[in-house]
N, C-alpha and C. Protein backbone atom coordinates (compact mmCIF):
# COMPACT_ATOMS: atom_id res chain seq x y z
N MET A 1 0.78 -1.11 0.00
CA MET A 1 0.07 -0.05 -0.08
C MET A 1 0.87 1.18 0.02
N THR A 2 0.52 2.24 -0.89
CA THR A 2 1.33 3.42 -0.99
C THR A 2 0.66 4.48 -0.14
N THR A 3 1.52 5.18 0.71
CA THR A 3 1.14 6.28 1.44
C THR A 3 1.11 7.51 0.63
N ARG A 4 0.09 8.25 0.69
CA ARG A 4 -0.12 9.46 -0.18
C ARG A 4 0.58 10.67 0.69
N SER A 5 1.25 11.50 -0.04
CA SER A 5 1.89 12.68 0.64
C SER A 5 0.75 13.65 1.06
N LEU A 6 1.17 14.56 1.94
CA LEU A 6 0.27 15.61 2.36
C LEU A 6 -0.23 16.43 1.27
N TYR A 7 0.73 16.67 0.28
CA TYR A 7 0.34 17.52 -0.91
C TYR A 7 -0.64 16.79 -1.68
N GLU A 8 -0.52 15.44 -1.93
CA GLU A 8 -1.50 14.73 -2.57
C GLU A 8 -2.83 14.71 -2.01
N LEU A 9 -2.89 14.54 -0.69
CA LEU A 9 -4.19 14.65 0.03
C LEU A 9 -4.77 16.04 -0.16
N TYR A 10 -4.02 17.07 -0.11
CA TYR A 10 -4.46 18.45 -0.14
C TYR A 10 -5.04 18.59 -1.59
N MET A 11 -4.30 18.17 -2.65
CA MET A 11 -4.88 18.27 -3.95
C MET A 11 -6.16 17.43 -4.28
N ALA A 12 -6.19 16.26 -3.57
CA ALA A 12 -7.35 15.42 -3.77
C ALA A 12 -8.61 16.06 -3.07
N ALA A 13 -8.32 16.72 -1.94
CA ALA A 13 -9.47 17.41 -1.23
C ALA A 13 -9.86 18.62 -2.13
N ALA A 14 -8.99 19.36 -2.68
CA ALA A 14 -9.40 20.50 -3.60
C ALA A 14 -10.12 20.00 -4.75
N ALA A 15 -9.78 18.90 -5.35
CA ALA A 15 -10.47 18.36 -6.56
C ALA A 15 -11.91 17.86 -6.08
N ALA A 16 -12.11 17.35 -4.93
CA ALA A 16 -13.34 16.81 -4.33
C ALA A 16 -14.29 18.02 -4.23
N VAL A 17 -13.66 19.07 -3.71
CA VAL A 17 -14.55 20.34 -3.47
C VAL A 17 -14.99 20.89 -4.84
N ARG A 18 -14.22 20.95 -5.77
CA ARG A 18 -14.42 21.53 -7.12
C ARG A 18 -15.53 20.66 -7.65
N GLU A 19 -15.32 19.36 -7.67
CA GLU A 19 -16.34 18.38 -8.23
C GLU A 19 -17.71 18.56 -7.62
N HIS A 20 -17.66 18.60 -6.31
CA HIS A 20 -18.88 18.83 -5.54
C HIS A 20 -19.64 20.12 -6.08
N ASP A 21 -18.72 21.27 -5.94
CA ASP A 21 -19.31 22.52 -6.34
C ASP A 21 -19.83 22.60 -7.70
N ALA A 22 -19.32 21.84 -8.60
CA ALA A 22 -19.79 21.77 -10.02
C ALA A 22 -21.20 21.05 -10.15
N THR A 23 -21.54 20.20 -9.11
CA THR A 23 -22.81 19.40 -9.40
C THR A 23 -23.78 19.82 -8.33
N CYS A 24 -23.50 20.48 -7.20
CA CYS A 24 -24.31 20.78 -6.13
C CYS A 24 -25.15 22.07 -6.40
N THR A 25 -26.44 22.01 -6.43
CA THR A 25 -27.25 23.18 -6.71
C THR A 25 -27.59 23.91 -5.39
N THR A 26 -27.07 23.45 -4.30
CA THR A 26 -27.32 24.15 -2.92
C THR A 26 -26.20 25.10 -2.57
N CYS A 27 -24.91 24.57 -2.85
CA CYS A 27 -23.85 25.22 -2.44
C CYS A 27 -23.50 26.47 -3.12
N SER A 28 -22.93 27.53 -2.53
CA SER A 28 -22.51 28.83 -2.96
C SER A 28 -21.29 29.10 -2.10
N PRO A 29 -20.49 30.18 -2.65
CA PRO A 29 -19.30 30.58 -1.93
C PRO A 29 -19.71 30.90 -0.32
N ASP A 30 -20.84 31.40 -0.19
CA ASP A 30 -21.21 31.74 1.12
C ASP A 30 -21.97 30.78 2.05
N ARG A 31 -22.53 29.80 1.39
CA ARG A 31 -23.30 28.69 2.09
C ARG A 31 -23.04 27.38 1.43
N ARG A 32 -22.86 26.33 2.33
CA ARG A 32 -22.61 25.01 1.79
C ARG A 32 -23.58 24.12 2.53
N CYS A 33 -23.96 23.04 1.71
CA CYS A 33 -24.76 21.97 2.19
C CYS A 33 -23.95 21.09 3.06
N PRO A 34 -24.50 20.34 3.93
CA PRO A 34 -23.79 19.43 4.96
C PRO A 34 -22.49 18.61 4.25
N PRO A 35 -22.75 17.99 3.13
CA PRO A 35 -21.62 17.25 2.52
C PRO A 35 -20.58 18.25 2.02
N GLY A 36 -21.01 19.43 1.42
CA GLY A 36 -20.09 20.43 0.99
C GLY A 36 -19.33 21.06 2.15
N ARG A 37 -19.96 21.21 3.26
CA ARG A 37 -19.15 21.69 4.47
C ARG A 37 -18.06 20.78 4.90
N ARG A 38 -18.42 19.46 4.82
CA ARG A 38 -17.47 18.46 5.24
C ARG A 38 -16.25 18.43 4.39
N LEU A 39 -16.55 18.39 3.13
CA LEU A 39 -15.55 18.49 2.02
C LEU A 39 -14.65 19.75 2.15
N TYR A 40 -15.27 20.91 2.36
CA TYR A 40 -14.46 22.07 2.37
C TYR A 40 -13.71 22.17 3.75
N ALA A 41 -14.24 21.58 4.74
CA ALA A 41 -13.47 21.58 6.05
C ALA A 41 -12.36 20.83 6.03
N GLU A 42 -12.33 19.49 5.25
CA GLU A 42 -11.27 18.72 4.96
C GLU A 42 -10.19 19.37 4.20
N LEU A 43 -10.69 20.17 3.17
CA LEU A 43 -9.77 20.90 2.26
C LEU A 43 -8.92 21.91 3.19
N VAL A 44 -9.63 22.68 3.98
CA VAL A 44 -8.89 23.78 4.83
C VAL A 44 -7.97 23.04 5.72
N ARG A 45 -8.35 21.93 6.38
CA ARG A 45 -7.36 21.28 7.29
C ARG A 45 -6.16 20.85 6.52
N PHE A 46 -6.29 20.13 5.30
CA PHE A 46 -5.14 19.64 4.64
C PHE A 46 -4.35 20.94 4.10
N GLN A 47 -4.99 22.05 3.85
CA GLN A 47 -4.26 23.28 3.29
C GLN A 47 -3.51 23.75 4.48
N ASP A 48 -3.98 23.82 5.60
CA ASP A 48 -3.33 24.42 6.76
C ASP A 48 -2.14 23.61 7.11
N ASP A 49 -2.36 22.18 7.09
CA ASP A 49 -1.14 21.30 7.40
C ASP A 49 -0.14 21.41 6.45
N TYR A 50 -0.45 21.47 5.09
CA TYR A 50 0.59 21.54 4.04
C TYR A 50 1.26 22.83 4.20
N LEU A 51 0.66 23.96 4.38
CA LEU A 51 1.29 25.27 4.51
C LEU A 51 2.20 25.29 5.77
N ALA A 52 1.78 24.66 6.89
CA ALA A 52 2.60 24.57 7.98
C ALA A 52 3.80 23.80 7.67
N GLN A 53 3.66 22.78 6.97
CA GLN A 53 4.84 21.91 6.67
C GLN A 53 5.87 22.64 5.84
N GLN A 54 5.38 23.42 4.87
CA GLN A 54 6.19 24.23 4.04
C GLN A 54 7.00 25.32 4.80
N ARG A 55 6.29 25.81 5.71
CA ARG A 55 7.03 26.89 6.62
C ARG A 55 8.12 26.30 7.42
N GLN A 56 7.91 25.07 7.81
CA GLN A 56 8.95 24.31 8.66
C GLN A 56 10.17 24.11 7.85
N ARG A 57 9.96 23.85 6.55
CA ARG A 57 11.07 23.59 5.61
C ARG A 57 12.00 24.73 5.33
N THR A 58 11.48 26.01 5.42
CA THR A 58 12.30 27.12 5.20
C THR A 58 12.93 27.63 6.31
């Protein structure tokens, strides 16, 4: 089993949010449906973790 990097997880979460946003008639930039909120929260968490990792490397 291959372990995915934090960057790969971050990009996958971003793709999932884009895919959801393209098909969801309820979500908007200001309001999200429950599944949209979950996906967006996951994206934010991965983004924060990835950026923190990048700051540690410099």
